[in-house]
Amino acid sequence: MSQSSATSRLNFGSSGFVSGSGSISTPLIPGNPDTLYFLHLDQISVGAQGSVLVNPSMKAAINAHQGNIIIDSGTPLTFIDNETVQSVANKVASSVSFPKVADPNGVFNLCLDVSGSGADAKLPDITFHFSGGAPVVLHEHNTFVEVAENTLCLAFISSDHLGVNIFGNIAQQNFHIGYDLNAMQLTVAPADCANM
């Protein structure tokens, strides 16, 4: 499901400009401390199962106008308030025929037994809808992790113990992500980073 030895490029300046087919932009909101950047996540949709509004009581920043989720390339998993994670997990579970199983590590809310499906396990796309009409479509390699043989778990966990939502780096894989600090915009474009 993943390539642990894959590499990609990090570009700066004019070489770091992200554009092209499927690219979206959303406001980039400075945080406190100033080493953090926030986005505003409006809702999450699961395939054809409909959308889940992100719990408005979970604010990632000090003031509500500063956004509700940190974008972080150093945190692997995506952390979202428990109510939203549970709703997303329920929508995923109702859209697949795989049996639910307990997480052998006790970390994840939803794990599936994909025995017999091999690499053909079909899981729904999950779309993060950021402010400004910016949908980021996440495929199964962005949303599930293999925790044991034939066991895939939804790579979103509750942020309630942290008090902050985080858009983690598994969700960011195979995207070009541009931080335009002059315009305070984040641009995301789908990419096949392993073949670049």
N, C-alpha and C. Protein backbone atom coordinates (compact mmCIF):
# COMPACT_ATOMS: atom_id res chain seq x y z
N MET A 1 0.81 -1.19 0.00
CA MET A 1 0.00 0.00 0.00
C MET A 1 0.85 1.26 0.00
N SER A 2 2.07 1.19 0.52
CA SER A 2 2.92 2.37 0.53
C SER A 2 4.33 1.98 0.11
N GLN A 3 5.09 2.99 -0.26
CA GLN A 3 6.49 2.80 -0.62
C GLN A 3 7.33 3.54 0.40
N SER A 4 7.95 2.81 1.31
CA SER A 4 8.71 3.48 2.35
C SER A 4 10.02 4.07 1.84
N SER A 5 10.48 3.64 0.65
CA SER A 5 11.74 4.15 0.13
C SER A 5 11.55 5.20 -0.97
N ALA A 6 10.33 5.63 -1.21
CA ALA A 6 10.07 6.62 -2.25
C ALA A 6 10.62 7.98 -1.84
N THR A 7 11.08 8.74 -2.82
CA THR A 7 11.57 10.09 -2.58
C THR A 7 10.85 11.05 -3.51
N SER A 8 10.94 12.32 -3.20
CA SER A 8 10.39 13.34 -4.08
C SER A 8 11.19 14.61 -3.87
N ARG A 9 10.81 15.68 -4.55
CA ARG A 9 11.57 16.93 -4.53
C ARG A 9 10.90 17.97 -3.63
N LEU A 10 11.71 18.85 -3.12
CA LEU A 10 11.26 20.02 -2.40
C LEU A 10 11.75 21.22 -3.17
N ASN A 11 10.83 22.05 -3.65
CA ASN A 11 11.19 23.20 -4.49
C ASN A 11 10.93 24.50 -3.75
N PHE A 12 11.78 25.50 -4.02
CA PHE A 12 11.64 26.81 -3.40
C PHE A 12 11.57 27.88 -4.48
N GLY A 13 11.11 29.07 -4.09
CA GLY A 13 11.05 30.21 -5.00
C GLY A 13 10.13 29.95 -6.17
N SER A 14 10.52 30.44 -7.36
CA SER A 14 9.67 30.28 -8.53
C SER A 14 9.50 28.82 -8.92
N SER A 15 10.43 27.96 -8.55
CA SER A 15 10.31 26.51 -8.83
C SER A 15 9.27 25.86 -7.93
N GLY A 16 8.89 26.54 -6.87
CA GLY A 16 7.92 25.99 -5.93
C GLY A 16 6.49 26.33 -6.25
N PHE A 17 6.25 27.02 -7.37
CA PHE A 17 4.90 27.41 -7.75
C PHE A 17 4.10 26.18 -8.14
N VAL A 18 2.94 25.98 -7.54
CA VAL A 18 2.08 24.82 -7.82
C VAL A 18 0.88 25.28 -8.63
N SER A 19 0.63 24.60 -9.75
CA SER A 19 -0.52 24.91 -10.60
C SER A 19 -0.84 23.67 -11.42
N GLY A 20 -1.80 23.81 -12.30
CA GLY A 20 -2.09 22.73 -13.23
C GLY A 20 -3.45 22.10 -12.99
N SER A 21 -3.70 21.05 -13.73
CA SER A 21 -4.98 20.36 -13.69
C SER A 21 -5.27 19.83 -12.29
N GLY A 22 -6.44 20.16 -11.81
CA GLY A 22 -6.86 19.67 -10.50
C GLY A 22 -6.34 20.46 -9.33
N SER A 23 -5.58 21.54 -9.57
CA SER A 23 -5.06 22.31 -8.44
C SER A 23 -6.16 23.15 -7.81
N ILE A 24 -6.08 23.28 -6.50
CA ILE A 24 -7.03 24.10 -5.74
C ILE A 24 -6.23 25.00 -4.81
N SER A 25 -6.85 26.10 -4.41
CA SER A 25 -6.20 27.00 -3.46
C SER A 25 -7.16 27.34 -2.33
N THR A 26 -6.58 27.54 -1.17
CA THR A 26 -7.35 27.92 0.02
C THR A 26 -6.51 28.89 0.83
N PRO A 27 -7.14 29.76 1.61
CA PRO A 27 -6.35 30.69 2.42
C PRO A 27 -5.43 29.96 3.40
N LEU A 28 -4.22 30.46 3.51
CA LEU A 28 -3.23 29.97 4.46
C LEU A 28 -3.24 30.96 5.61
N ILE A 29 -3.50 30.47 6.81
CA ILE A 29 -3.73 31.33 7.96
C ILE A 29 -2.55 31.19 8.93
N PRO A 30 -1.84 32.29 9.21
CA PRO A 30 -0.71 32.19 10.13
C PRO A 30 -1.18 31.83 11.53
N GLY A 31 -0.35 31.07 12.22
CA GLY A 31 -0.73 30.61 13.55
C GLY A 31 0.13 31.21 14.64
N ASN A 32 -0.15 30.75 15.81
CA ASN A 32 0.60 31.16 16.99
C ASN A 32 1.04 29.89 17.69
N PRO A 33 2.31 29.52 17.66
CA PRO A 33 3.46 30.30 17.20
C PRO A 33 3.48 30.43 15.68
N ASP A 34 4.32 31.33 15.18
CA ASP A 34 4.33 31.63 13.75
C ASP A 34 4.98 30.55 12.90
N THR A 35 5.37 29.44 13.50
CA THR A 35 5.89 28.30 12.73
C THR A 35 4.76 27.39 12.27
N LEU A 36 3.54 27.66 12.68
CA LEU A 36 2.38 26.86 12.30
C LEU A 36 1.54 27.59 11.27
N TYR A 37 0.95 26.82 10.35
CA TYR A 37 0.00 27.38 9.40
C TYR A 37 -1.30 26.62 9.50
N PHE A 38 -2.40 27.37 9.45
CA PHE A 38 -3.72 26.81 9.60
C PHE A 38 -4.50 26.93 8.31
N LEU A 39 -5.49 26.06 8.17
CA LEU A 39 -6.47 26.10 7.10
C LEU A 39 -7.83 26.08 7.77
N HIS A 40 -8.86 26.38 6.97
CA HIS A 40 -10.21 26.23 7.50
C HIS A 40 -10.87 25.07 6.77
N LEU A 41 -11.15 23.99 7.50
CA LEU A 41 -11.82 22.81 6.97
C LEU A 41 -13.30 22.94 7.25
N ASP A 42 -14.11 23.01 6.17
CA ASP A 42 -15.55 23.16 6.32
C ASP A 42 -16.24 21.83 6.57
N GLN A 43 -15.91 20.84 5.73
CA GLN A 43 -16.58 19.55 5.84
C GLN A 43 -15.74 18.46 5.20
N ILE A 44 -16.14 17.21 5.46
CA ILE A 44 -15.49 16.04 4.90
C ILE A 44 -16.57 15.18 4.28
N SER A 45 -16.37 14.76 3.03
CA SER A 45 -17.34 13.88 2.40
C SER A 45 -16.70 12.53 2.11
N VAL A 46 -17.52 11.49 2.18
CA VAL A 46 -17.07 10.11 1.99
C VAL A 46 -17.81 9.53 0.79
N GLY A 47 -17.09 9.38 -0.33
CA GLY A 47 -17.69 8.81 -1.54
C GLY A 47 -19.05 9.41 -1.80
N ALA A 48 -20.05 8.55 -2.01
CA ALA A 48 -21.42 8.99 -2.25
C ALA A 48 -22.25 9.01 -0.97
N GLN A 49 -21.59 8.87 0.18
CA GLN A 49 -22.30 8.79 1.47
C GLN A 49 -22.69 10.15 2.04
N GLY A 50 -22.29 11.23 1.41
CA GLY A 50 -22.64 12.55 1.91
C GLY A 50 -21.52 13.15 2.74
N SER A 51 -21.80 14.32 3.28
CA SER A 51 -20.78 15.12 3.99
C SER A 51 -21.00 15.14 5.48
N VAL A 52 -19.91 15.41 6.18
CA VAL A 52 -19.91 15.61 7.62
C VAL A 52 -19.35 17.00 7.87
N LEU A 53 -20.10 17.84 8.55
CA LEU A 53 -19.58 19.15 8.92
C LEU A 53 -18.57 18.97 10.04
N VAL A 54 -17.48 19.72 9.97
CA VAL A 54 -16.47 19.65 11.02
C VAL A 54 -17.02 20.36 12.24
N ASN A 55 -16.86 19.75 13.38
CA ASN A 55 -17.38 20.27 14.64
C ASN A 55 -16.89 21.70 14.86
N PRO A 56 -17.80 22.67 14.89
CA PRO A 56 -17.36 24.07 15.02
C PRO A 56 -16.76 24.39 16.38
N SER A 57 -16.97 23.54 17.38
CA SER A 57 -16.41 23.83 18.70
C SER A 57 -14.92 23.52 18.78
N MET A 58 -14.40 22.77 17.79
CA MET A 58 -12.98 22.44 17.79
C MET A 58 -12.24 23.49 16.98
N LYS A 59 -11.54 24.35 17.64
CA LYS A 59 -10.78 25.40 16.97
C LYS A 59 -9.29 25.12 17.14
N ALA A 60 -8.57 25.08 16.03
CA ALA A 60 -7.15 24.79 16.09
C ALA A 60 -6.34 26.00 16.50
N ALA A 61 -6.91 27.16 16.34
CA ALA A 61 -6.17 28.38 16.64
C ALA A 61 -6.80 29.10 17.81
N ILE A 62 -6.15 30.12 18.27
CA ILE A 62 -6.62 30.85 19.44
C ILE A 62 -7.94 31.56 19.14
N ASN A 63 -8.08 32.13 17.98
CA ASN A 63 -9.32 32.82 17.60
C ASN A 63 -9.99 32.04 16.48
N ALA A 64 -11.33 32.03 16.49
CA ALA A 64 -12.09 31.26 15.51
C ALA A 64 -11.78 31.66 14.08
N HIS A 65 -11.47 32.93 13.84
CA HIS A 65 -11.20 33.38 12.47
C HIS A 65 -9.87 32.87 11.94
N GLN A 66 -9.07 32.22 12.78
CA GLN A 66 -7.75 31.76 12.36
C GLN A 66 -7.75 30.37 11.76
N GLY A 67 -8.88 29.73 11.64
CA GLY A 67 -8.89 28.40 11.05
C GLY A 67 -9.13 27.32 12.08
N ASN A 68 -9.24 26.08 11.60
CA ASN A 68 -9.56 25.00 12.53
C ASN A 68 -8.72 23.74 12.31
N ILE A 69 -7.69 23.81 11.46
CA ILE A 69 -6.83 22.65 11.27
C ILE A 69 -5.44 23.11 10.84
N ILE A 70 -4.43 22.54 11.47
CA ILE A 70 -3.04 22.82 11.11
C ILE A 70 -2.68 21.93 9.94
N ILE A 71 -1.92 22.44 8.97
CA ILE A 71 -1.32 21.58 7.95
C ILE A 71 0.10 21.31 8.41
N ASP A 72 0.44 20.02 8.54
CA ASP A 72 1.71 19.65 9.15
C ASP A 72 2.35 18.50 8.37
N SER A 73 3.52 18.75 7.81
CA SER A 73 4.22 17.70 7.07
C SER A 73 5.02 16.79 7.99
N GLY A 74 5.04 17.07 9.27
CA GLY A 74 5.80 16.25 10.20
C GLY A 74 4.97 15.30 11.04
N THR A 75 3.66 15.40 10.97
CA THR A 75 2.77 14.51 11.72
C THR A 75 2.16 13.52 10.74
N PRO A 76 2.39 12.22 10.90
CA PRO A 76 1.87 11.26 9.91
C PRO A 76 0.35 11.20 9.83
N LEU A 77 -0.32 11.04 10.95
CA LEU A 77 -1.77 10.83 10.93
C LEU A 77 -2.51 12.16 10.89
N THR A 78 -3.79 12.08 10.51
CA THR A 78 -4.66 13.24 10.54
C THR A 78 -5.49 13.17 11.82
N PHE A 79 -5.49 14.27 12.56
CA PHE A 79 -6.23 14.37 13.82
C PHE A 79 -7.43 15.29 13.61
N ILE A 80 -8.61 14.80 13.96
CA ILE A 80 -9.85 15.57 13.82
C ILE A 80 -10.68 15.32 15.08
N ASP A 81 -11.52 16.27 15.45
CA ASP A 81 -12.33 16.09 16.66
C ASP A 81 -13.09 14.75 16.60
N ASN A 82 -13.29 14.16 17.77
CA ASN A 82 -13.84 12.82 17.87
C ASN A 82 -15.21 12.67 17.21
N GLU A 83 -16.07 13.67 17.37
CA GLU A 83 -17.41 13.60 16.76
C GLU A 83 -17.32 13.47 15.24
N THR A 84 -16.45 14.26 14.64
CA THR A 84 -16.28 14.23 13.19
C THR A 84 -15.64 12.91 12.75
N VAL A 85 -14.59 12.46 13.48
CA VAL A 85 -13.94 11.19 13.14
C VAL A 85 -14.95 10.05 13.19
N GLN A 86 -15.77 10.02 14.22
CA GLN A 86 -16.76 8.94 14.34
C GLN A 86 -17.76 8.97 13.18
N SER A 87 -18.21 10.16 12.80
CA SER A 87 -19.15 10.29 11.68
C SER A 87 -18.53 9.85 10.37
N VAL A 88 -17.28 10.25 10.14
CA VAL A 88 -16.57 9.83 8.92
C VAL A 88 -16.38 8.32 8.92
N ALA A 89 -15.95 7.76 10.05
CA ALA A 89 -15.74 6.31 10.15
C ALA A 89 -17.03 5.55 9.89
N ASN A 90 -18.15 6.04 10.41
CA ASN A 90 -19.44 5.39 10.17
C ASN A 90 -19.81 5.42 8.69
N LYS A 91 -19.57 6.55 8.03
CA LYS A 91 -19.87 6.64 6.61
C LYS A 91 -18.98 5.71 5.79
N VAL A 92 -17.70 5.62 6.15
CA VAL A 92 -16.79 4.70 5.45
C VAL A 92 -17.28 3.26 5.65
N ALA A 93 -17.56 2.89 6.90
CA ALA A 93 -17.98 1.51 7.21
C ALA A 93 -19.25 1.13 6.46
N SER A 94 -20.18 2.08 6.31
CA SER A 94 -21.43 1.76 5.62
C SER A 94 -21.28 1.72 4.11
N SER A 95 -20.13 2.18 3.60
CA SER A 95 -19.94 2.21 2.14
C SER A 95 -19.09 1.04 1.64
N VAL A 96 -18.62 0.18 2.53
CA VAL A 96 -17.78 -0.96 2.13
C VAL A 96 -18.39 -2.26 2.65
N SER A 97 -17.98 -3.37 2.05
CA SER A 97 -18.49 -4.67 2.48
C SER A 97 -17.49 -5.42 3.36
N PHE A 98 -16.35 -4.82 3.64
CA PHE A 98 -15.35 -5.48 4.47
C PHE A 98 -15.80 -5.50 5.93
N PRO A 99 -15.54 -6.59 6.63
CA PRO A 99 -15.91 -6.63 8.05
C PRO A 99 -15.00 -5.72 8.89
N LYS A 100 -15.60 -5.10 9.90
CA LYS A 100 -14.83 -4.31 10.84
C LYS A 100 -14.09 -5.26 11.78
N VAL A 101 -12.86 -4.87 12.15
CA VAL A 101 -12.07 -5.63 13.11
C VAL A 101 -11.46 -4.66 14.11
N ALA A 102 -11.07 -5.20 15.25
CA ALA A 102 -10.42 -4.37 16.26
C ALA A 102 -9.01 -4.01 15.80
N ASP A 103 -8.60 -2.81 16.12
CA ASP A 103 -7.23 -2.38 15.84
C ASP A 103 -6.31 -3.12 16.79
N PRO A 104 -5.35 -3.88 16.27
CA PRO A 104 -4.46 -4.63 17.15
C PRO A 104 -3.61 -3.74 18.05
N ASN A 105 -3.48 -2.46 17.69
CA ASN A 105 -2.68 -1.52 18.48
C ASN A 105 -3.52 -0.60 19.36
N GLY A 106 -4.85 -0.63 19.19
CA GLY A 106 -5.73 0.20 20.00
C GLY A 106 -5.65 1.69 19.72
N VAL A 107 -5.30 2.07 18.49
CA VAL A 107 -5.13 3.48 18.14
C VAL A 107 -6.28 4.02 17.29
N PHE A 108 -6.72 3.23 16.32
CA PHE A 108 -7.64 3.71 15.29
C PHE A 108 -9.10 3.40 15.60
N ASN A 109 -10.00 4.26 15.09
CA ASN A 109 -11.43 4.10 15.30
C ASN A 109 -12.06 3.07 14.38
N LEU A 110 -11.50 2.93 13.18
CA LEU A 110 -12.07 2.00 12.20
C LEU A 110 -10.97 1.20 11.54
N CYS A 111 -11.07 -0.12 11.66
CA CYS A 111 -10.17 -1.02 10.96
C CYS A 111 -11.01 -2.05 10.22
N LEU A 112 -10.51 -2.46 9.05
CA LEU A 112 -11.23 -3.38 8.18
C LEU A 112 -10.38 -4.59 7.85
N ASP A 113 -11.02 -5.74 7.79
CA ASP A 113 -10.37 -6.97 7.35
C ASP A 113 -10.56 -7.06 5.85
N VAL A 114 -9.47 -6.89 5.10
CA VAL A 114 -9.55 -6.91 3.63
C VAL A 114 -9.03 -8.22 3.06
N SER A 115 -9.07 -9.29 3.87
CA SER A 115 -8.62 -10.62 3.42
C SER A 115 -9.30 -10.99 2.11
N GLY A 116 -8.52 -11.56 1.23
CA GLY A 116 -9.07 -12.03 -0.04
C GLY A 116 -9.13 -10.98 -1.12
N SER A 117 -9.03 -9.71 -0.75
CA SER A 117 -9.11 -8.66 -1.77
C SER A 117 -7.74 -8.25 -2.27
N GLY A 118 -6.70 -8.53 -1.49
CA GLY A 118 -5.34 -8.17 -1.87
C GLY A 118 -5.22 -6.70 -2.20
N ALA A 119 -4.54 -6.41 -3.30
CA ALA A 119 -4.35 -5.03 -3.72
C ALA A 119 -5.62 -4.46 -4.36
N ASP A 120 -6.65 -5.29 -4.49
CA ASP A 120 -7.89 -4.85 -5.12
C ASP A 120 -8.91 -4.30 -4.14
N ALA A 121 -8.54 -4.11 -2.89
CA ALA A 121 -9.48 -3.57 -1.90
C ALA A 121 -9.95 -2.21 -2.38
N LYS A 122 -11.25 -2.07 -2.59
CA LYS A 122 -11.82 -0.80 -3.05
C LYS A 122 -12.41 -0.06 -1.85
N LEU A 123 -11.82 1.08 -1.57
CA LEU A 123 -12.25 1.91 -0.46
C LEU A 123 -12.67 3.26 -1.01
N PRO A 124 -13.61 3.92 -0.35
CA PRO A 124 -14.12 5.19 -0.90
C PRO A 124 -13.10 6.32 -0.82
N ASP A 125 -13.18 7.22 -1.78
CA ASP A 125 -12.42 8.47 -1.69
C ASP A 125 -13.04 9.30 -0.56
N ILE A 126 -12.19 10.02 0.12
CA ILE A 126 -12.64 10.93 1.18
C ILE A 126 -12.17 12.32 0.79
N THR A 127 -13.09 13.27 0.75
CA THR A 127 -12.76 14.62 0.30
C THR A 127 -12.80 15.59 1.46
N PHE A 128 -11.70 16.32 1.63
CA PHE A 128 -11.64 17.40 2.60
C PHE A 128 -12.00 18.68 1.86
N HIS A 129 -13.03 19.35 2.32
CA HIS A 129 -13.51 20.59 1.70
C HIS A 129 -13.01 21.77 2.53
N PHE A 130 -11.99 22.45 2.00
CA PHE A 130 -11.43 23.61 2.68
C PHE A 130 -12.12 24.88 2.21
N SER A 131 -11.97 25.96 2.97
CA SER A 131 -12.64 27.22 2.63
C SER A 131 -12.21 27.70 1.25
N GLY A 132 -13.11 28.46 0.64
CA GLY A 132 -12.85 28.97 -0.70
C GLY A 132 -13.22 27.97 -1.78
N GLY A 133 -14.02 26.97 -1.43
CA GLY A 133 -14.43 25.97 -2.41
C GLY A 133 -13.27 25.11 -2.86
N ALA A 134 -12.45 24.66 -1.91
CA ALA A 134 -11.24 23.93 -2.24
C ALA A 134 -11.33 22.47 -1.79
N PRO A 135 -11.85 21.59 -2.67
CA PRO A 135 -11.94 20.16 -2.30
C PRO A 135 -10.64 19.43 -2.60
N VAL A 136 -10.12 18.72 -1.61
CA VAL A 136 -8.93 17.88 -1.79
C VAL A 136 -9.40 16.43 -1.68
N VAL A 137 -9.36 15.71 -2.81
CA VAL A 137 -9.83 14.33 -2.86
C VAL A 137 -8.69 13.41 -2.44
N LEU A 138 -8.93 12.67 -1.37
CA LEU A 138 -7.95 11.75 -0.83
C LEU A 138 -8.33 10.32 -1.23
N HIS A 139 -7.37 9.60 -1.78
CA HIS A 139 -7.60 8.22 -2.18
C HIS A 139 -7.16 7.30 -1.04
N GLU A 140 -7.36 6.00 -1.20
CA GLU A 140 -7.11 5.08 -0.08
C GLU A 140 -5.68 5.15 0.45
N HIS A 141 -4.69 5.43 -0.39
CA HIS A 141 -3.31 5.53 0.13
C HIS A 141 -3.12 6.75 1.02
N ASN A 142 -4.05 7.72 0.94
CA ASN A 142 -4.01 8.91 1.80
C ASN A 142 -4.84 8.75 3.06
N THR A 143 -5.71 7.74 3.09
CA THR A 143 -6.68 7.65 4.17
C THR A 143 -6.63 6.37 4.99
N PHE A 144 -5.89 5.37 4.52
CA PHE A 144 -5.80 4.10 5.24
C PHE A 144 -4.35 3.70 5.41
N VAL A 145 -4.06 3.05 6.55
CA VAL A 145 -2.74 2.50 6.80
C VAL A 145 -2.90 1.01 7.10
N GLU A 146 -1.91 0.25 6.67
CA GLU A 146 -1.91 -1.19 6.95
C GLU A 146 -1.24 -1.41 8.30
N VAL A 147 -2.00 -1.92 9.28
CA VAL A 147 -1.46 -2.10 10.63
C VAL A 147 -1.10 -3.56 10.90
N ALA A 148 -1.61 -4.46 10.09
CA ALA A 148 -1.30 -5.89 10.18
C ALA A 148 -1.68 -6.49 8.84
N GLU A 149 -1.24 -7.71 8.59
CA GLU A 149 -1.58 -8.36 7.34
C GLU A 149 -3.10 -8.41 7.18
N ASN A 150 -3.58 -7.90 6.05
CA ASN A 150 -5.01 -7.87 5.71
C ASN A 150 -5.84 -6.96 6.61
N THR A 151 -5.21 -6.06 7.35
CA THR A 151 -5.95 -5.13 8.20
C THR A 151 -5.57 -3.70 7.84
N LEU A 152 -6.55 -2.96 7.32
CA LEU A 152 -6.36 -1.55 7.00
C LEU A 152 -7.17 -0.72 7.98
N CYS A 153 -6.59 0.37 8.45
CA CYS A 153 -7.27 1.26 9.39
C CYS A 153 -7.34 2.67 8.83
N LEU A 154 -8.47 3.32 9.10
CA LEU A 154 -8.65 4.71 8.72
C LEU A 154 -7.61 5.55 9.45
N ALA A 155 -6.81 6.31 8.70
CA ALA A 155 -5.67 7.05 9.26
C ALA A 155 -6.07 8.40 9.84
N PHE A 156 -7.28 8.49 10.38
CA PHE A 156 -7.76 9.69 11.07
C PHE A 156 -8.06 9.27 12.51
N ILE A 157 -7.55 10.01 13.46
CA ILE A 157 -7.84 9.71 14.85
C ILE A 157 -8.29 10.97 15.58
N SER A 158 -8.87 10.76 16.75
CA SER A 158 -9.44 11.86 17.52
C SER A 158 -8.37 12.85 17.97
N SER A 159 -8.69 14.12 17.82
CA SER A 159 -7.79 15.19 18.28
C SER A 159 -8.22 15.73 19.64
N ASP A 160 -9.27 15.14 20.23
CA ASP A 160 -9.82 15.71 21.46
C ASP A 160 -8.77 15.80 22.58
N HIS A 161 -7.86 14.83 22.65
CA HIS A 161 -6.82 14.88 23.69
C HIS A 161 -5.75 15.92 23.39
N LEU A 162 -5.63 16.33 22.12
CA LEU A 162 -4.66 17.35 21.75
C LEU A 162 -5.23 18.76 21.82
N GLY A 163 -6.53 18.87 21.54
CA GLY A 163 -7.17 20.18 21.47
C GLY A 163 -6.88 20.90 20.17
N VAL A 164 -6.38 20.17 19.16
CA VAL A 164 -6.04 20.78 17.89
C VAL A 164 -6.23 19.75 16.77
N ASN A 165 -6.74 20.19 15.65
CA ASN A 165 -6.88 19.34 14.46
C ASN A 165 -5.61 19.47 13.62
N ILE A 166 -5.20 18.36 12.99
CA ILE A 166 -3.98 18.37 12.18
C ILE A 166 -4.22 17.59 10.90
N PHE A 167 -3.91 18.20 9.76
CA PHE A 167 -3.95 17.54 8.46
C PHE A 167 -2.55 16.96 8.26
N GLY A 168 -2.43 15.64 8.48
CA GLY A 168 -1.13 14.99 8.54
C GLY A 168 -0.53 14.64 7.20
N ASN A 169 0.72 14.11 7.23
CA ASN A 169 1.45 13.91 5.99
C ASN A 169 1.03 12.70 5.19
N ILE A 170 0.38 11.72 5.78
CA ILE A 170 -0.15 10.62 4.96
C ILE A 170 -1.21 11.17 4.00
N ALA A 171 -2.05 12.05 4.50
CA ALA A 171 -3.08 12.68 3.66
C ALA A 171 -2.47 13.55 2.57
N GLN A 172 -1.24 14.04 2.77
CA GLN A 172 -0.59 14.93 1.81
C GLN A 172 0.25 14.21 0.76
N GLN A 173 0.37 12.89 0.87
CA GLN A 173 1.21 12.16 -0.07
C GLN A 173 0.63 12.18 -1.48
N ASN A 174 1.50 12.27 -2.46
CA ASN A 174 1.15 12.35 -3.88
C ASN A 174 0.35 13.60 -4.21
N PHE A 175 0.71 14.68 -3.55
CA PHE A 175 0.21 16.00 -3.89
C PHE A 175 1.41 16.94 -3.93
N HIS A 176 1.38 17.89 -4.86
CA HIS A 176 2.29 19.03 -4.78
C HIS A 176 1.57 20.04 -3.91
N ILE A 177 2.28 20.58 -2.94
CA ILE A 177 1.68 21.53 -2.01
C ILE A 177 2.55 22.77 -2.01
N GLY A 178 1.95 23.90 -2.39
CA GLY A 178 2.67 25.16 -2.47
C GLY A 178 2.21 26.12 -1.40
N TYR A 179 3.16 26.64 -0.65
CA TYR A 179 2.90 27.65 0.37
C TYR A 179 3.31 29.00 -0.20
N ASP A 180 2.34 29.83 -0.57
CA ASP A 180 2.63 31.17 -1.06
C ASP A 180 2.45 32.12 0.13
N LEU A 181 3.56 32.45 0.77
CA LEU A 181 3.49 33.27 1.98
C LEU A 181 3.24 34.74 1.68
N ASN A 182 3.49 35.19 0.44
CA ASN A 182 3.17 36.57 0.07
C ASN A 182 1.66 36.73 -0.09
N ALA A 183 1.03 35.80 -0.78
CA ALA A 183 -0.42 35.86 -0.99
C ALA A 183 -1.20 35.17 0.12
N MET A 184 -0.49 34.48 1.03
CA MET A 184 -1.09 33.69 2.10
C MET A 184 -2.14 32.72 1.53
N GLN A 185 -1.68 31.92 0.56
CA GLN A 185 -2.49 30.90 -0.09
C GLN A 185 -1.75 29.57 -0.05
N LEU A 186 -2.49 28.51 0.14
CA LEU A 186 -1.95 27.17 0.01
C LEU A 186 -2.57 26.59 -1.25
N THR A 187 -1.74 26.07 -2.15
CA THR A 187 -2.23 25.44 -3.37
C THR A 187 -1.84 23.97 -3.34
N VAL A 188 -2.81 23.13 -3.68
CA VAL A 188 -2.63 21.68 -3.68
C VAL A 188 -2.98 21.16 -5.06
N ALA A 189 -2.10 20.30 -5.61
CA ALA A 189 -2.35 19.70 -6.92
C ALA A 189 -1.98 18.22 -6.85
N PRO A 190 -2.85 17.35 -7.40
CA PRO A 190 -2.52 15.92 -7.42
C PRO A 190 -1.26 15.67 -8.21
N ALA A 191 -0.46 14.69 -7.78
CA ALA A 191 0.81 14.37 -8.45
C ALA A 191 1.14 12.89 -8.20
N ASP A 192 1.96 12.35 -9.06
CA ASP A 192 2.50 11.00 -8.86
C ASP A 192 3.96 11.21 -8.45
N CYS A 193 4.18 11.46 -7.19
CA CYS A 193 5.50 11.88 -6.71
C CYS A 193 6.56 10.79 -6.84
N ALA A 194 6.18 9.53 -6.86
CA ALA A 194 7.14 8.44 -6.97
C ALA A 194 7.75 8.36 -8.38
N ASN A 195 7.08 8.95 -9.36
CA ASN A 195 7.55 8.89 -10.75
C ASN A 195 7.97 10.25 -11.28
N MET A 196 8.55 11.07 -10.44
CA MET A 196 8.95 12.40 -10.90
C MET A 196 10.44 12.51 -10.93
